[in-house]
Amino acid sequence: MPEKSSSMDIDWQNSAGFAALGLLAIALVLTLVNIETVAGYEVLSAGQSAFGFLAAGNFSLGALSAGIFSVGIFSAGIFSVGIFSIGIFAVGPFAFGIYAVGFYAAQQYVASSEATSG
């Protein structure tokens, strides 16, 4: 019989969602208490070029960023670079996209090729 562990097992694949929700909660609290900048960067930023905690624009840089060219911890866009990136061209440890480069993308490729060759 397998031994039961007394500690709670954590599924690290679900931790990205909790981290994103945590960042959104921080941004909400900062916005509600009327704090507009943190370390010189806007909490909420939008425009052609956006740099801030939550950034949305054609060229965006932030913890949570969205745009054509986006860079951040969580980034989404056509060309995205980040720890968790989603886009057509995505680069990062956990990248999701048509042309994705990263640890998770490589693991998915290896897993799918093993399933088809078996």
C-alpha atoms as a PDB file:
ATOM      1  CA  MET A   1       0.000   0.000   0.000  1.00  0.00           C
ATOM      2  CA  PRO A   2       1.249   3.463  -0.781  1.00  0.00           C
ATOM      3  CA  GLU A   3       2.150   5.636   2.152  1.00  0.00           C
ATOM      4  CA  LYS A   4      -0.094   8.622   2.797  1.00  0.00           C
ATOM      5  CA  SER A   5       1.588  11.943   3.271  1.00  0.00           C
ATOM      6  CA  SER A   6       0.449  14.087   6.156  1.00  0.00           C
ATOM      7  CA  SER A   7       1.370  17.320   4.330  1.00  0.00           C
ATOM      8  CA  MET A   8      -0.907  18.861   1.763  1.00  0.00           C
ATOM      9  CA  ASP A   9       0.251  18.291  -1.820  1.00  0.00           C
ATOM     10  CA  ILE A  10       0.370  21.439  -3.927  1.00  0.00           C
ATOM     11  CA  ASP A  11      -0.329  21.399  -7.652  1.00  0.00           C
ATOM     12  CA  TRP A  12       2.138  23.992  -8.961  1.00  0.00           C
ATOM     13  CA  GLN A  13       0.338  24.231 -12.316  1.00  0.00           C
ATOM     14  CA  ASN A  14      -2.559  25.980 -10.546  1.00  0.00           C
ATOM     15  CA  SER A  15      -0.283  28.421  -8.718  1.00  0.00           C
ATOM     16  CA  ALA A  16      -0.110  30.753 -11.737  1.00  0.00           C
ATOM     17  CA  GLY A  17      -3.803  31.537 -11.375  1.00  0.00           C
ATOM     18  CA  PHE A  18      -3.407  32.296  -7.679  1.00  0.00           C
ATOM     19  CA  ALA A  19      -0.432  34.568  -8.397  1.00  0.00           C
ATOM     20  CA  ALA A  20      -2.378  36.473 -11.070  1.00  0.00           C
ATOM     21  CA  LEU A  21      -5.362  36.878  -8.735  1.00  0.00           C
ATOM     22  CA  GLY A  22      -3.007  38.113  -6.015  1.00  0.00           C
ATOM     23  CA  LEU A  23      -1.517  40.743  -8.342  1.00  0.00           C
ATOM     24  CA  LEU A  24      -5.005  41.852  -9.379  1.00  0.00           C
ATOM     25  CA  ALA A  25      -6.043  42.129  -5.728  1.00  0.00           C
ATOM     26  CA  ILE A  26      -2.975  44.270  -4.976  1.00  0.00           C
ATOM     27  CA  ALA A  27      -3.819  46.544  -7.915  1.00  0.00           C
ATOM     28  CA  LEU A  28      -7.421  46.814  -6.739  1.00  0.00           C
ATOM     29  CA  VAL A  29      -6.393  47.767  -3.202  1.00  0.00           C
ATOM     30  CA  LEU A  30      -3.888  50.352  -4.477  1.00  0.00           C
ATOM     31  CA  THR A  31      -6.521  51.848  -6.763  1.00  0.00           C
ATOM     32  CA  LEU A  32      -9.174  51.965  -4.020  1.00  0.00           C
ATOM     33  CA  VAL A  33      -6.867  53.802  -1.603  1.00  0.00           C
ATOM     34  CA  ASN A  34      -6.032  56.250  -4.425  1.00  0.00           C
ATOM     35  CA  ILE A  35      -2.360  55.322  -4.850  1.00  0.00           C
ATOM     36  CA  GLU A  36      -1.567  56.064  -8.481  1.00  0.00           C
ATOM     37  CA  THR A  37       2.158  55.269  -8.658  1.00  0.00           C
ATOM     38  CA  VAL A  38       4.488  52.711  -7.106  1.00  0.00           C
ATOM     39  CA  ALA A  39       8.239  53.291  -7.416  1.00  0.00           C
ATOM     40  CA  GLY A  40       7.603  55.824 -10.180  1.00  0.00           C
ATOM     41  CA  TYR A  41       5.416  53.530 -12.292  1.00  0.00           C
ATOM     42  CA  GLU A  42       1.667  53.870 -12.648  1.00  0.00           C
ATOM     43  CA  VAL A  43      -0.538  51.218 -11.060  1.00  0.00           C
ATOM     44  CA  LEU A  44      -2.928  51.278 -14.023  1.00  0.00           C
ATOM     45  CA  SER A  45      -1.425  52.301 -17.347  1.00  0.00           C
ATOM     46  CA  ALA A  46      -2.903  52.335 -20.841  1.00  0.00           C
ATOM     47  CA  GLY A  47      -1.857  53.928 -24.097  1.00  0.00           C
ATOM     48  CA  GLN A  48       0.378  53.533 -27.128  1.00  0.00           C
ATOM     49  CA  SER A  49       3.316  52.710 -24.825  1.00  0.00           C
ATOM     50  CA  ALA A  50       2.273  51.601 -21.349  1.00  0.00           C
ATOM     51  CA  PHE A  51       4.577  50.988 -18.396  1.00  0.00           C
ATOM     52  CA  GLY A  52       3.020  50.089 -15.067  1.00  0.00           C
ATOM     53  CA  PHE A  53       1.781  47.440 -12.683  1.00  0.00           C
ATOM     54  CA  LEU A  54      -1.212  46.660 -14.933  1.00  0.00           C
ATOM     55  CA  ALA A  55      -0.279  47.801 -18.440  1.00  0.00           C
ATOM     56  CA  ALA A  56      -2.274  47.676 -21.652  1.00  0.00           C
ATOM     57  CA  GLY A  57      -1.067  49.145 -24.927  1.00  0.00           C
ATOM     58  CA  ASN A  58       0.686  48.430 -28.183  1.00  0.00           C
ATOM     59  CA  PHE A  59       4.018  48.297 -26.333  1.00  0.00           C
ATOM     60  CA  SER A  60       3.443  47.302 -22.707  1.00  0.00           C
ATOM     61  CA  LEU A  61       5.708  46.508 -19.791  1.00  0.00           C
ATOM     62  CA  GLY A  62       4.302  45.531 -16.402  1.00  0.00           C
ATOM     63  CA  ALA A  63       3.583  42.790 -13.909  1.00  0.00           C
ATOM     64  CA  LEU A  64       0.358  42.077 -15.825  1.00  0.00           C
ATOM     65  CA  SER A  65       0.694  43.324 -19.395  1.00  0.00           C
ATOM     66  CA  ALA A  66      -1.356  43.033 -22.554  1.00  0.00           C
ATOM     67  CA  GLY A  67      -0.645  44.423 -25.991  1.00  0.00           C
ATOM     68  CA  ILE A  68       0.875  43.705 -29.365  1.00  0.00           C
ATOM     69  CA  PHE A  69       4.372  43.647 -27.832  1.00  0.00           C
ATOM     70  CA  SER A  70       4.113  42.802 -24.125  1.00  0.00           C
ATOM     71  CA  VAL A  71       6.716  42.056 -21.484  1.00  0.00           C
ATOM     72  CA  GLY A  72       5.918  41.137 -17.883  1.00  0.00           C
ATOM     73  CA  ILE A  73       5.420  38.402 -15.349  1.00  0.00           C
ATOM     74  CA  PHE A  74       2.040  37.626 -16.932  1.00  0.00           C
ATOM     75  CA  SER A  75       1.985  38.845 -20.519  1.00  0.00           C
ATOM     76  CA  ALA A  76      -0.487  38.414 -23.339  1.00  0.00           C
ATOM     77  CA  GLY A  77      -0.139  39.668 -26.872  1.00  0.00           C
ATOM     78  CA  ILE A  78       0.990  38.799 -30.356  1.00  0.00           C
ATOM     79  CA  PHE A  79       4.649  38.980 -29.274  1.00  0.00           C
ATOM     80  CA  SER A  80       4.873  38.273 -25.547  1.00  0.00           C
ATOM     81  CA  VAL A  81       7.814  37.683 -23.231  1.00  0.00           C
ATOM     82  CA  GLY A  82       7.340  36.768 -19.598  1.00  0.00           C
ATOM     83  CA  ILE A  83       7.316  34.039 -17.011  1.00  0.00           C
ATOM     84  CA  PHE A  84       3.751  33.200 -18.035  1.00  0.00           C
ATOM     85  CA  SER A  85       3.246  34.372 -21.599  1.00  0.00           C
ATOM     86  CA  ILE A  86       0.398  33.840 -24.032  1.00  0.00           C
ATOM     87  CA  GLY A  87       0.571  34.874 -27.664  1.00  0.00           C
ATOM     88  CA  ILE A  88       1.254  33.828 -31.208  1.00  0.00           C
ATOM     89  CA  PHE A  89       4.983  34.258 -30.530  1.00  0.00           C
ATOM     90  CA  ALA A  90       5.513  33.574 -26.813  1.00  0.00           C
ATOM     91  CA  VAL A  91       8.811  33.308 -24.961  1.00  0.00           C
ATOM     92  CA  GLY A  92       9.159  32.349 -21.310  1.00  0.00           C
ATOM     93  CA  PRO A  93       9.426  29.398 -18.945  1.00  0.00           C
ATOM     94  CA  PHE A  94       5.668  28.835 -19.218  1.00  0.00           C
ATOM     95  CA  ALA A  95       4.811  29.934 -22.747  1.00  0.00           C
ATOM     96  CA  PHE A  96       1.572  29.189 -24.562  1.00  0.00           C
ATOM     97  CA  GLY A  97       1.176  29.953 -28.249  1.00  0.00           C
ATOM     98  CA  ILE A  98       1.510  28.802 -31.824  1.00  0.00           C
ATOM     99  CA  TYR A  99       5.256  29.517 -31.756  1.00  0.00           C
ATOM    100  CA  ALA A 100       6.090  29.123 -28.072  1.00  0.00           C
ATOM    101  CA  VAL A 101       9.579  28.802 -26.644  1.00  0.00           C
ATOM    102  CA  GLY A 102       9.968  27.765 -23.032  1.00  0.00           C
ATOM    103  CA  PHE A 103      10.122  24.959 -20.528  1.00  0.00           C
ATOM    104  CA  TYR A 104       6.391  24.193 -20.560  1.00  0.00           C
ATOM    105  CA  ALA A 105       6.184  24.410 -24.359  1.00  0.00           C
ATOM    106  CA  ALA A 106       9.084  21.964 -24.659  1.00  0.00           C
ATOM    107  CA  GLN A 107       7.451  19.590 -22.171  1.00  0.00           C
ATOM    108  CA  GLN A 108       4.212  19.616 -24.144  1.00  0.00           C
ATOM    109  CA  TYR A 109       6.102  18.861 -27.359  1.00  0.00           C
ATOM    110  CA  VAL A 110       7.990  15.961 -25.786  1.00  0.00           C
ATOM    111  CA  ALA A 111       4.825  14.553 -24.219  1.00  0.00           C
ATOM    112  CA  SER A 112       2.898  14.714 -27.498  1.00  0.00           C
ATOM    113  CA  SER A 113       5.719  13.116 -29.505  1.00  0.00           C
ATOM    114  CA  GLU A 114       6.031  10.260 -27.002  1.00  0.00           C
ATOM    115  CA  ALA A 115       2.304   9.613 -27.226  1.00  0.00           C
ATOM    116  CA  THR A 116       2.351   9.429 -31.046  1.00  0.00           C
ATOM    117  CA  SER A 117       5.496   7.300 -31.309  1.00  0.00           C
ATOM    118  CA  GLY A 118       4.260   4.663 -28.810  1.00  0.00           C
END
